[in-house]
Protein backbone atom coordinates (compact mmCIF):
# COMPACT_ATOMS: atom_id res chain seq x y z
CA MET A 1 0.00 0.00 0.00
CA ALA A 2 3.01 2.28 0.40
CA GLY A 3 3.03 3.20 -3.27
CA LEU A 4 -0.57 4.51 -3.28
CA ASN A 5 -1.85 8.04 -2.73
CA PHE A 6 -3.02 8.41 0.88
CA GLU A 7 -6.18 10.38 0.01
CA LEU A 8 -7.20 7.80 -2.56
CA LEU A 9 -6.88 5.04 0.01
CA LYS A 10 -9.81 6.53 1.94
CA HIS A 11 -12.09 5.61 -0.95
CA VAL A 12 -10.70 2.13 -1.60
CA LYS A 13 -12.78 -0.92 -0.73
CA LYS A 14 -11.82 -4.56 -0.52
CA THR A 15 -13.40 -6.94 -2.98
CA ASN A 16 -14.01 -10.67 -2.80
CA GLU A 17 -11.51 -11.27 -5.60
CA TYR A 18 -7.87 -12.26 -5.13
CA CYS A 19 -4.73 -11.49 -7.16
CA GLN A 20 -3.53 -14.20 -9.52
CA VAL A 21 0.11 -13.19 -8.90
CA HIS A 22 -0.29 -12.87 -5.12
CA PRO A 23 -3.08 -15.38 -4.24
CA GLU A 24 -3.26 -14.25 -0.61
CA GLN A 25 -3.84 -10.59 -1.58
CA GLN A 26 -7.42 -9.35 -1.92
CA LEU A 27 -8.06 -6.97 -4.79
CA LEU A 28 -9.09 -3.45 -4.03
CA ALA A 29 -11.60 -1.31 -5.86
CA LEU A 30 -11.64 2.45 -6.28
CA ALA A 31 -14.96 4.00 -7.30
CA ASN A 32 -15.89 2.55 -10.72
CA HIS A 33 -12.35 1.48 -11.62
CA ILE A 34 -11.22 -2.09 -12.29
CA PRO A 35 -10.12 -3.84 -9.07
CA PHE A 36 -6.37 -3.92 -8.52
CA CYS A 37 -3.75 -5.62 -6.43
CA PRO A 38 -1.84 -3.15 -4.19
CA ARG A 39 1.22 -5.42 -4.16
CA CYS A 40 1.32 -5.48 -7.97
CA VAL A 41 1.04 -1.68 -7.99
CA GLU A 42 3.91 -1.35 -5.53
CA GLU A 43 6.12 -3.78 -7.45
CA LYS A 44 5.40 -1.96 -10.69
CA ARG A 45 6.33 1.35 -9.02
CA ARG A 46 9.60 -0.09 -7.73
CA HIS A 47 10.39 -1.57 -11.11
CA LYS A 48 9.74 1.79 -12.75
CA ASN A 49 11.98 3.55 -10.23
CA ASN A 50 14.73 1.01 -10.75
CA GLU A 51 14.37 1.45 -14.49
CA LEU A 52 14.70 5.22 -14.14
CA VAL A 53 17.73 4.82 -11.90
CA THR A 54 19.31 2.46 -14.44
CA ILE A 55 18.61 4.84 -17.32
CA GLY A 56 20.08 7.71 -15.32
CA ALA A 57 23.16 5.67 -14.47
CA LEU A 58 23.66 4.69 -18.10
CA ARG A 59 23.32 8.30 -19.18
CA SER A 60 25.89 9.37 -16.59
CA TYR A 61 28.13 6.54 -17.67
CA LYS A 62 27.88 7.62 -21.31
CA ARG A 63 28.48 11.27 -20.41
CA GLY A 64 31.50 10.25 -18.35
CA PHE A 65 33.11 8.83 -21.47
CA TYR A 66 31.55 10.82 -24.29
CA GLU A 67 32.24 14.23 -22.75
CA VAL A 68 35.93 13.53 -22.12
CA LEU A 69 36.61 14.68 -25.68
CA LYS A 70 35.24 18.19 -25.10
CA LYS A 71 36.12 18.46 -21.41
CA ASP A 72 39.72 17.24 -21.30
CA SER A 73 41.09 17.79 -24.80
CA ILE A 74 43.94 20.29 -25.15
CA ILE A 75 43.39 22.12 -28.39
CA ASP A 76 45.08 25.28 -29.66
CA ASP A 77 42.63 26.00 -32.49
CA GLU A 78 39.00 26.08 -31.36
CA ASN A 79 37.84 26.05 -34.98
CA LEU A 80 38.85 22.40 -35.13
CA TRP A 81 35.74 21.51 -33.13
CA GLN A 82 33.73 22.27 -36.27
CA ALA A 83 35.79 19.86 -38.37
CA SER A 84 34.19 16.67 -39.67
CA PHE A 85 34.41 14.31 -42.61
CA GLU A 86 31.35 16.07 -44.03
CA ASN A 87 33.08 19.47 -44.32
CA TYR A 88 36.51 18.17 -45.36
CA GLU A 89 36.78 19.68 -48.84
CA VAL A 90 38.33 17.48 -51.51
CA GLU A 91 38.38 17.28 -55.28
CA ALA A 92 37.37 14.06 -56.98
CA GLY A 93 40.37 11.83 -57.60
CA SER A 94 42.71 13.99 -55.52
CA GLU A 95 45.22 12.83 -52.93
CA ALA A 96 43.07 14.47 -50.25
CA GLU A 97 40.05 12.40 -51.30
CA VAL A 98 42.09 9.18 -51.18
CA ASN A 99 43.41 10.11 -47.73
CA MET A 100 39.95 10.96 -46.43
CA LYS A 101 38.65 7.55 -47.52
CA LYS A 102 41.56 5.85 -45.80
CA ALA A 103 40.98 7.90 -42.65
CA LYS A 104 37.35 6.75 -42.59
CA GLN A 105 38.43 3.13 -42.99
CA ILE A 106 40.92 3.39 -40.12
CA ALA A 107 38.38 5.19 -37.92
CA TYR A 108 36.04 2.25 -38.50
CA LYS A 109 38.79 -0.12 -37.35
CA TYR A 110 39.13 1.85 -34.11
CA MET A 111 35.47 1.08 -33.39
CA ASP A 112 36.75 -2.38 -32.52
CA ARG A 113 38.44 -2.17 -29.13
CA ASP A 114 40.65 -5.10 -30.07
CA TYR A 115 42.22 -3.10 -32.90
CA GLN A 116 45.64 -2.28 -31.48
CA ALA A 117 47.65 -0.02 -33.79
CA ASN A 118 48.78 3.57 -34.12
CA THR A 119 48.13 5.76 -37.15
CA ILE A 120 50.52 8.37 -38.56
CA ILE A 121 49.13 11.28 -40.60
CA THR A 122 52.05 13.13 -42.18
CA GLY A 123 52.53 15.99 -44.62
CA ASN A 124 53.24 19.69 -44.92
CA PRO A 125 51.43 22.22 -42.70
CA GLY A 126 47.92 23.22 -43.76
CA VAL A 127 46.98 20.14 -45.80
CA GLY A 128 44.23 19.04 -43.42
CA LYS A 129 45.97 16.54 -41.13
CA SER A 130 44.38 17.84 -37.93
CA HIS A 131 41.00 18.08 -39.65
CA LEU A 132 41.17 14.41 -40.59
CA ALA A 133 42.44 13.37 -37.16
CA ILE A 134 39.66 15.07 -35.20
CA SER A 135 37.08 13.81 -37.71
CA MET A 136 38.27 10.26 -37.04
CA LEU A 137 38.20 10.86 -33.30
CA LYS A 138 34.72 12.40 -33.29
CA GLY A 139 33.39 9.54 -35.39
CA VAL A 140 34.68 6.97 -32.93
CA ASN A 141 33.59 8.99 -29.90
CA GLU A 142 30.01 9.22 -31.17
CA ASN A 143 29.59 5.65 -32.36
CA ILE A 144 31.77 3.19 -30.44
CA LYS A 145 29.81 0.67 -28.35
CA PRO A 146 30.04 0.48 -25.44
CA ASN A 147 31.15 4.05 -24.94
CA ALA A 148 34.85 4.86 -24.68
CA SER A 149 36.85 7.96 -23.86
CA CYS A 150 38.58 9.82 -26.70
CA LEU A 151 40.97 12.75 -26.45
CA PHE A 152 42.56 15.29 -28.79
CA VAL A 153 45.81 16.88 -27.59
CA SER A 154 48.02 19.49 -29.20
CA VAL A 155 51.54 18.41 -28.27
CA ASN A 156 52.82 21.99 -28.08
CA GLU A 157 50.01 23.12 -25.81
CA LEU A 158 50.30 20.00 -23.64
CA LEU A 159 53.99 20.60 -23.01
CA ARG A 160 53.42 24.29 -22.34
CA LEU A 161 50.78 23.50 -19.71
CA ILE A 162 52.92 20.84 -18.07
CA LYS A 163 55.90 23.18 -17.87
CA ASP A 164 53.66 25.93 -16.48
CA SER A 165 52.60 23.53 -13.71
CA PHE A 166 56.19 23.54 -12.40
CA ASN A 167 55.43 26.92 -10.84
CA HIS A 168 51.84 26.07 -9.92
CA PRO A 169 51.74 22.84 -7.86
CA ASP A 170 47.93 22.96 -7.72
CA SER A 171 47.66 22.96 -11.52
CA TYR A 172 45.52 20.28 -13.14
CA TYR A 173 48.17 19.84 -15.84
CA THR A 174 50.95 18.16 -13.91
CA GLU A 175 53.12 15.67 -15.72
CA SER A 176 51.89 12.69 -13.70
CA ARG A 177 48.22 13.56 -14.18
CA MET A 178 48.58 14.18 -17.91
CA VAL A 179 50.59 11.03 -18.54
CA ASP A 180 48.01 9.04 -16.60
CA LEU A 181 45.04 10.59 -18.43
CA LEU A 182 46.55 10.34 -21.91
CA GLY A 183 47.74 6.82 -21.23
CA LYS A 184 44.28 5.56 -20.26
CA VAL A 185 41.88 6.93 -22.87
CA SER A 186 40.68 4.49 -25.50
CA LEU A 187 41.71 6.62 -28.49
CA LEU A 188 44.12 9.56 -28.43
CA VAL A 189 45.18 12.10 -31.04
CA LEU A 190 48.63 13.64 -30.55
CA ASP A 191 48.50 16.61 -32.87
CA ASP A 192 51.53 18.26 -34.51
CA LEU A 193 54.16 15.97 -33.05
CA GLY A 194 57.67 17.20 -33.76
CA SER A 195 56.86 20.89 -33.91
CA GLU A 196 57.86 21.30 -30.26
CA ALA A 197 61.47 20.64 -31.33
CA SER A 198 61.36 22.90 -34.38
CA PHE A 199 61.01 26.00 -32.20
CA LYS A 200 64.40 25.43 -30.59
CA ARG A 201 67.21 27.64 -31.85
CA ASP A 202 70.21 25.46 -31.14
CA ASN A 203 69.15 22.15 -32.69
CA ARG A 204 66.03 20.24 -33.60
CA GLU A 205 66.49 17.37 -31.22
CA ALA A 206 63.65 17.19 -28.72
CA SER A 207 64.74 17.76 -25.16
CA GLU A 208 65.24 14.79 -22.89
CA TYR A 209 62.31 15.94 -20.76
CA VAL A 210 59.94 16.20 -23.75
CA GLN A 211 60.88 12.71 -24.85
CA GLN A 212 60.36 11.47 -21.31
CA VAL A 213 56.79 12.83 -21.26
CA LEU A 214 55.94 11.48 -24.72
CA PHE A 215 57.45 8.09 -23.92
CA GLY A 216 55.45 7.95 -20.69
CA VAL A 217 52.24 8.43 -22.68
CA LEU A 218 52.98 6.24 -25.70
CA ASN A 219 54.46 3.41 -23.66
CA LYS A 220 51.01 2.88 -22.11
CA ARG A 221 49.15 2.93 -25.40
CA ASN A 222 48.38 0.87 -28.49
CA ARG A 223 45.73 3.12 -30.10
CA THR A 224 47.02 6.58 -30.98
CA ILE A 225 46.58 8.83 -34.02
CA ILE A 226 49.63 11.04 -34.56
CA THR A 227 49.80 14.01 -36.89
CA THR A 228 53.17 15.44 -37.87
CA ASN A 229 54.75 17.67 -40.50
CA LEU A 230 57.81 15.41 -40.54
CA ASN A 231 58.73 12.20 -42.36
CA SER A 232 60.34 9.18 -40.72
CA ASP A 233 63.90 10.36 -41.44
CA GLU A 234 63.22 13.71 -39.84
CA LEU A 235 61.52 12.12 -36.85
CA SER A 236 64.54 9.84 -36.33
CA LYS A 237 66.73 12.93 -35.96
CA ILE A 238 64.50 14.36 -33.26
CA TYR A 239 63.50 11.39 -31.13
CA ASN A 240 65.40 8.44 -29.70
CA PRO A 241 64.77 4.90 -31.03
CA LYS A 242 62.83 3.75 -27.96
CA LEU A 243 60.31 6.56 -28.40
CA LEU A 244 60.07 6.01 -32.15
CA SER A 245 59.28 2.34 -31.61
CA ARG A 246 56.34 3.35 -29.39
CA MET A 247 55.10 5.80 -32.05
CA TYR A 248 55.19 3.16 -34.77
CA LYS A 249 53.32 0.41 -32.88
CA GLY A 250 51.32 -1.56 -35.43
CA VAL A 251 51.66 1.16 -38.08
CA MET A 252 53.38 -0.84 -40.83
CA LYS A 253 51.53 -4.07 -40.12
CA ASN A 254 48.14 -2.35 -40.44
CA ASP A 255 48.98 0.10 -43.23
CA GLY A 256 48.44 2.94 -40.77
CA ILE A 257 50.19 5.76 -42.65
CA ILE A 258 48.20 8.56 -44.26
CA LYS A 259 50.67 10.63 -46.26
CA PHE A 260 50.20 13.97 -48.01
CA LYS A 261 52.74 14.61 -50.77
CA GLU A 262 50.91 16.67 -53.40
CA THR A 263 48.19 18.50 -51.46
CA GLN A 264 48.77 22.25 -51.10
CA ASP A 265 48.42 24.28 -47.91
CA LYS A 266 44.68 25.01 -47.69
CA ARG A 267 45.27 27.99 -45.38
CA MET A 268 47.75 29.79 -47.59
CA ALA A 269 46.45 33.17 -48.73
CA ILE A 270 46.76 33.99 -52.43
CA PHE A 271 47.52 37.61 -53.29
């Protein structure tokens, strides 16, 4: 009776009928309504509440994974959030069209959690590497079942935030926290790898500390999309062999290289 309205109970009368589900329970009648079993009503109410709780938990669970992309990504160009396969402009038969199709195929592979391989997207600045990478990531984030966390990280911005945390111990972006977060997500994009070394004046070799951070992340992972302006020879001059081996996990075996050779810089102004 606990699930019934108290005022309504004043007008309820017992009948001579009994519940088929609960044989010992007399049915009750309210005005001209069909007689009912109070125990069945209560059980139905509990079931409905449990169902609502379950739905709420599932929604929270999905949000906990799905929203990682927007909440924890480190992105230095907010316009990238608008990028998708649908607005990636290509000409029929062009290198960009071929690369977009391959990116879609690889993104589909990442829908399978057992697919363990990195992907390298390489080419000159402005050819659409980041656009393809975030399109792949968004596609997986929106469609993978069950839900999984995805993250997009600009390497330059990541390293800047970590270094800034040296003087701010309460910063969210400490090395240990970032390595742990980036190491755990299901699919990670490391955007513009190698550019952090190109800003150095003395030489282009990445610092020992930078390599330590990147190794800490990649050593924990088997599913990472990496964009870079550099080719393999150039990367070998910047990073040590141990780090390179982590970058190239599964790449050759799974044909995980998307290379731009002919595509022109889409951001270059013509005047």
